[in-house]
Amino acid sequence: MTRAEFLNELKDRLKVFEKPEIENWLNYYSEIIDDRMEDGQSEEEAVNSLGSIDAIIDEILQQTPITRLAKTKLNRKTLHGWEIALLILGFPLWFPLLISAVAVILAVYASLWAVIISLWSVFVAFLSAGVGVIIGGIVFICVSKTLSGVASLGAGFICIGLSVFCFFGCKAVTSGAIWLVKKLVLMLKNSFIKKEAAK
């Protein structure tokens, strides 16, 4: 792919952005290509070393707040008279549905993090119980209640062992939730790009 083909395709995919921002991205990638060509790469090698357009778009979208994408999209949208009339007449129907959809999304998001917080609470409970029971076992041994002390030490080590397993589980679930949220936000941002490219 040549520089011109690459920049044209990138420009087509970035239609959702304002013109100054599109020019900034095009200049940025054009400079990268120039720098790599100065380092001895051919034009095609320099372009190919940037990666796929999809990967570049994903990178740009990750750096762009979703509110800016939505605002730019709304600023570009010109409504016809019949669309305005439909919006006004349909307000009693679409507005409550919109509020309900937002409420459901927020409830699911809050529930996801509530589950994660609960899992971390279990980890903290196991760890603190283990430490507390071990300290209690040491106290029992010191006051000549050896059997109770050994039992307490055993229970404490079991709790600490469970807390280690719980820690790795909590860490995996938290990482998975963060990954899922990032993917969903990226999919939402990509919908702006795809809708604009389809025009």
Protein backbone atom coordinates (compact mmCIF):
# COMPACT_ATOMS: atom_id res chain seq x y z
CA MET A 1 0.00 0.00 0.00
CA THR A 2 1.37 3.42 -0.91
CA ARG A 3 1.38 6.44 1.40
CA ALA A 4 -1.42 8.12 -0.61
CA GLU A 5 -3.62 5.00 -0.48
CA PHE A 6 -3.00 4.61 3.24
CA LEU A 7 -3.78 8.25 4.03
CA ASN A 8 -6.91 8.23 1.83
CA GLU A 9 -8.25 5.11 3.55
CA LEU A 10 -7.44 6.54 6.97
CA LYS A 11 -9.19 9.80 6.04
CA ASP A 12 -12.30 7.89 4.94
CA ARG A 13 -12.40 5.96 8.22
CA LEU A 14 -12.01 9.13 10.32
CA LYS A 15 -14.99 11.00 8.87
CA VAL A 16 -16.66 11.14 12.28
CA PHE A 17 -13.98 13.59 13.51
CA GLU A 18 -13.80 17.30 12.82
CA LYS A 19 -11.58 18.36 9.88
CA PRO A 20 -8.77 19.84 12.02
CA GLU A 21 -8.54 16.63 14.02
CA ILE A 22 -8.52 14.51 10.86
CA GLU A 23 -5.69 16.67 9.49
CA ASN A 24 -3.74 16.23 12.74
CA TRP A 25 -3.97 12.44 12.53
CA LEU A 26 -3.08 12.41 8.84
CA ASN A 27 -0.06 14.66 9.48
CA TYR A 28 0.99 12.49 12.41
CA TYR A 29 0.99 9.27 10.39
CA SER A 30 2.50 11.00 7.36
CA GLU A 31 5.42 12.14 9.53
CA ILE A 32 5.90 8.61 10.85
CA ILE A 33 6.06 7.32 7.28
CA ASP A 34 8.56 10.07 6.37
CA ASP A 35 10.74 9.22 9.38
CA ARG A 36 10.79 5.53 8.51
CA MET A 37 11.60 6.27 4.87
CA GLU A 38 14.50 8.48 6.03
CA ASP A 39 15.73 5.48 8.07
CA GLY A 40 16.00 3.49 4.84
CA GLN A 41 12.63 1.77 4.51
CA SER A 42 10.76 1.84 1.22
CA GLU A 43 7.41 3.61 1.06
CA GLU A 44 5.47 0.31 1.20
CA GLU A 45 7.61 -1.02 4.06
CA ALA A 46 7.07 2.20 6.02
CA VAL A 47 3.30 2.02 5.50
CA ASN A 48 3.13 -1.71 6.31
CA SER A 49 5.14 -1.20 9.50
CA LEU A 50 2.31 0.98 10.87
CA GLY A 51 0.00 -2.04 11.05
CA SER A 52 -3.54 -2.42 9.80
CA ILE A 53 -5.95 0.49 9.45
CA ASP A 54 -8.30 -1.29 11.87
CA ALA A 55 -5.59 -1.41 14.56
CA ILE A 56 -4.80 2.28 14.00
CA ILE A 57 -8.50 3.22 14.22
CA ASP A 58 -8.80 1.22 17.48
CA GLU A 59 -5.78 3.06 18.89
CA ILE A 60 -7.22 6.45 17.90
CA LEU A 61 -10.61 5.54 19.39
CA GLN A 62 -9.03 4.47 22.67
CA GLN A 63 -7.50 7.93 22.97
CA THR A 64 -10.74 9.73 22.10
CA PRO A 65 -13.42 10.29 24.77
CA ILE A 66 -16.80 8.91 23.73
CA THR A 67 -18.44 12.23 24.62
CA ARG A 68 -16.35 13.98 21.95
CA LEU A 69 -17.36 11.40 19.33
CA ALA A 70 -21.05 11.79 20.21
CA LYS A 71 -20.84 15.59 20.25
CA THR A 72 -19.12 15.69 16.85
CA LYS A 73 -21.72 13.31 15.43
CA LEU A 74 -24.60 15.42 16.77
CA ASN A 75 -23.05 18.66 15.45
CA ARG A 76 -22.84 17.17 11.95
CA LYS A 77 -26.36 15.76 11.92
CA THR A 78 -28.90 18.05 10.28
CA LEU A 79 -32.48 17.07 10.93
CA HIS A 80 -35.23 17.45 8.36
CA GLY A 81 -38.59 18.92 9.33
CA TRP A 82 -40.33 15.55 9.38
CA GLU A 83 -37.59 14.13 11.64
CA ILE A 84 -38.07 16.97 14.12
CA ALA A 85 -41.84 16.42 14.06
CA LEU A 86 -41.38 12.68 14.70
CA LEU A 87 -39.02 13.40 17.59
CA ILE A 88 -41.52 15.77 19.19
CA LEU A 89 -44.54 13.52 18.65
CA GLY A 90 -42.68 10.39 19.71
CA PHE A 91 -41.16 12.01 22.83
CA PRO A 92 -43.65 10.37 25.24
CA LEU A 93 -42.57 6.99 23.85
CA TRP A 94 -38.84 7.23 23.14
CA PHE A 95 -37.79 9.32 26.16
CA PRO A 96 -38.97 6.84 28.84
CA LEU A 97 -37.44 4.01 26.80
CA LEU A 98 -34.15 5.89 26.63
CA ILE A 99 -34.18 6.55 30.38
CA SER A 100 -34.98 2.86 31.01
CA ALA A 101 -32.15 1.71 28.74
CA VAL A 102 -29.66 4.02 30.48
CA ALA A 103 -30.89 2.83 33.89
CA VAL A 104 -30.50 -0.83 32.91
CA ILE A 105 -26.98 -0.24 31.56
CA LEU A 106 -25.97 1.62 34.73
CA ALA A 107 -27.52 -1.10 36.92
CA VAL A 108 -25.63 -3.86 35.09
CA TYR A 109 -22.39 -1.86 35.32
CA ALA A 110 -22.91 -1.19 39.05
CA SER A 111 -23.79 -4.86 39.66
CA LEU A 112 -20.63 -6.00 37.91
CA TRP A 113 -18.45 -3.86 40.17
CA ALA A 114 -20.52 -4.77 43.24
CA VAL A 115 -19.73 -8.45 42.60
CA ILE A 116 -16.03 -7.63 42.23
CA ILE A 117 -16.03 -5.58 45.46
CA SER A 118 -17.78 -8.48 47.22
CA LEU A 119 -15.12 -10.93 46.01
CA TRP A 120 -12.34 -8.66 47.26
CA SER A 121 -14.20 -8.39 50.59
CA VAL A 122 -14.13 -12.19 50.88
CA PHE A 123 -10.37 -12.11 50.26
CA VAL A 124 -9.87 -9.49 52.99
CA ALA A 125 -12.12 -11.48 55.36
CA PHE A 126 -10.13 -14.71 54.84
CA LEU A 127 -6.82 -12.89 55.27
CA SER A 128 -7.82 -10.95 58.38
CA ALA A 129 -9.49 -14.03 59.91
CA GLY A 130 -6.35 -16.08 59.25
CA VAL A 131 -4.06 -13.51 60.86
CA GLY A 132 -6.44 -13.07 63.81
CA VAL A 133 -6.81 -16.80 64.44
CA ILE A 134 -3.02 -17.34 64.21
CA ILE A 135 -2.46 -14.58 66.78
CA GLY A 136 -5.15 -16.20 68.94
CA GLY A 137 -3.44 -19.58 68.58
CA ILE A 138 -0.12 -18.12 69.70
CA VAL A 139 -1.85 -16.57 72.72
CA PHE A 140 -3.48 -19.95 73.55
CA ILE A 141 -0.12 -21.70 73.37
CA CYS A 142 1.45 -19.03 75.61
CA VAL A 143 -1.24 -19.56 78.30
CA SER A 144 -0.72 -23.36 78.20
CA LYS A 145 -3.79 -24.24 76.15
CA THR A 146 -1.67 -26.11 73.62
CA LEU A 147 -4.43 -28.14 71.95
CA SER A 148 -6.62 -25.07 71.35
CA GLY A 149 -3.57 -23.12 70.19
CA VAL A 150 -2.53 -25.77 67.64
CA ALA A 151 -6.11 -26.01 66.35
CA SER A 152 -6.25 -22.21 66.03
CA LEU A 153 -2.92 -22.11 64.21
CA GLY A 154 -4.17 -24.79 61.77
CA ALA A 155 -7.42 -22.91 61.14
CA GLY A 156 -5.48 -19.66 60.66
CA PHE A 157 -3.15 -21.21 58.08
CA ILE A 158 -6.16 -22.69 56.25
CA CYS A 159 -7.77 -19.22 56.11
CA ILE A 160 -4.56 -17.66 54.81
CA GLY A 161 -4.26 -20.42 52.20
CA LEU A 162 -7.84 -19.76 51.09
CA SER A 163 -7.08 -16.04 50.91
CA VAL A 164 -4.20 -16.76 48.49
CA PHE A 165 -6.55 -18.68 46.17
CA CYS A 166 -9.15 -15.96 46.58
CA PHE A 167 -6.59 -13.26 45.70
CA PHE A 168 -5.72 -14.85 42.35
CA GLY A 169 -9.41 -15.40 41.56
CA CYS A 170 -10.28 -11.80 42.44
CA LYS A 171 -7.38 -10.52 40.35
CA ALA A 172 -8.49 -12.58 37.33
CA VAL A 173 -12.13 -11.49 37.64
CA THR A 174 -11.13 -7.81 38.01
CA SER A 175 -8.84 -7.99 34.97
CA GLY A 176 -11.60 -9.69 32.98
CA ALA A 177 -14.15 -7.04 33.96
CA ILE A 178 -11.79 -4.21 32.99
CA TRP A 179 -11.07 -5.93 29.66
CA LEU A 180 -14.82 -6.40 29.03
CA VAL A 181 -15.63 -2.75 29.81
CA LYS A 182 -12.81 -1.56 27.51
CA LYS A 183 -14.05 -3.82 24.70
CA LEU A 184 -17.65 -2.62 25.08
CA VAL A 185 -16.58 1.05 25.04
CA LEU A 186 -14.40 0.39 21.99
CA MET A 187 -17.32 -1.34 20.22
CA LEU A 188 -19.52 1.67 20.99
CA LYS A 189 -16.87 4.05 19.65
CA ASN A 190 -16.40 1.85 16.57
CA SER A 191 -20.14 2.14 15.85
CA PHE A 192 -19.63 5.89 15.30
CA ILE A 193 -16.83 5.21 12.83
CA LYS A 194 -18.71 2.46 10.95
CA LYS A 195 -21.90 4.50 10.64
CA GLU A 196 -19.93 7.45 9.29
CA ALA A 197 -17.96 5.28 6.85
CA ALA A 198 -21.19 3.76 5.52
CA LYS A 199 -22.38 7.19 4.35
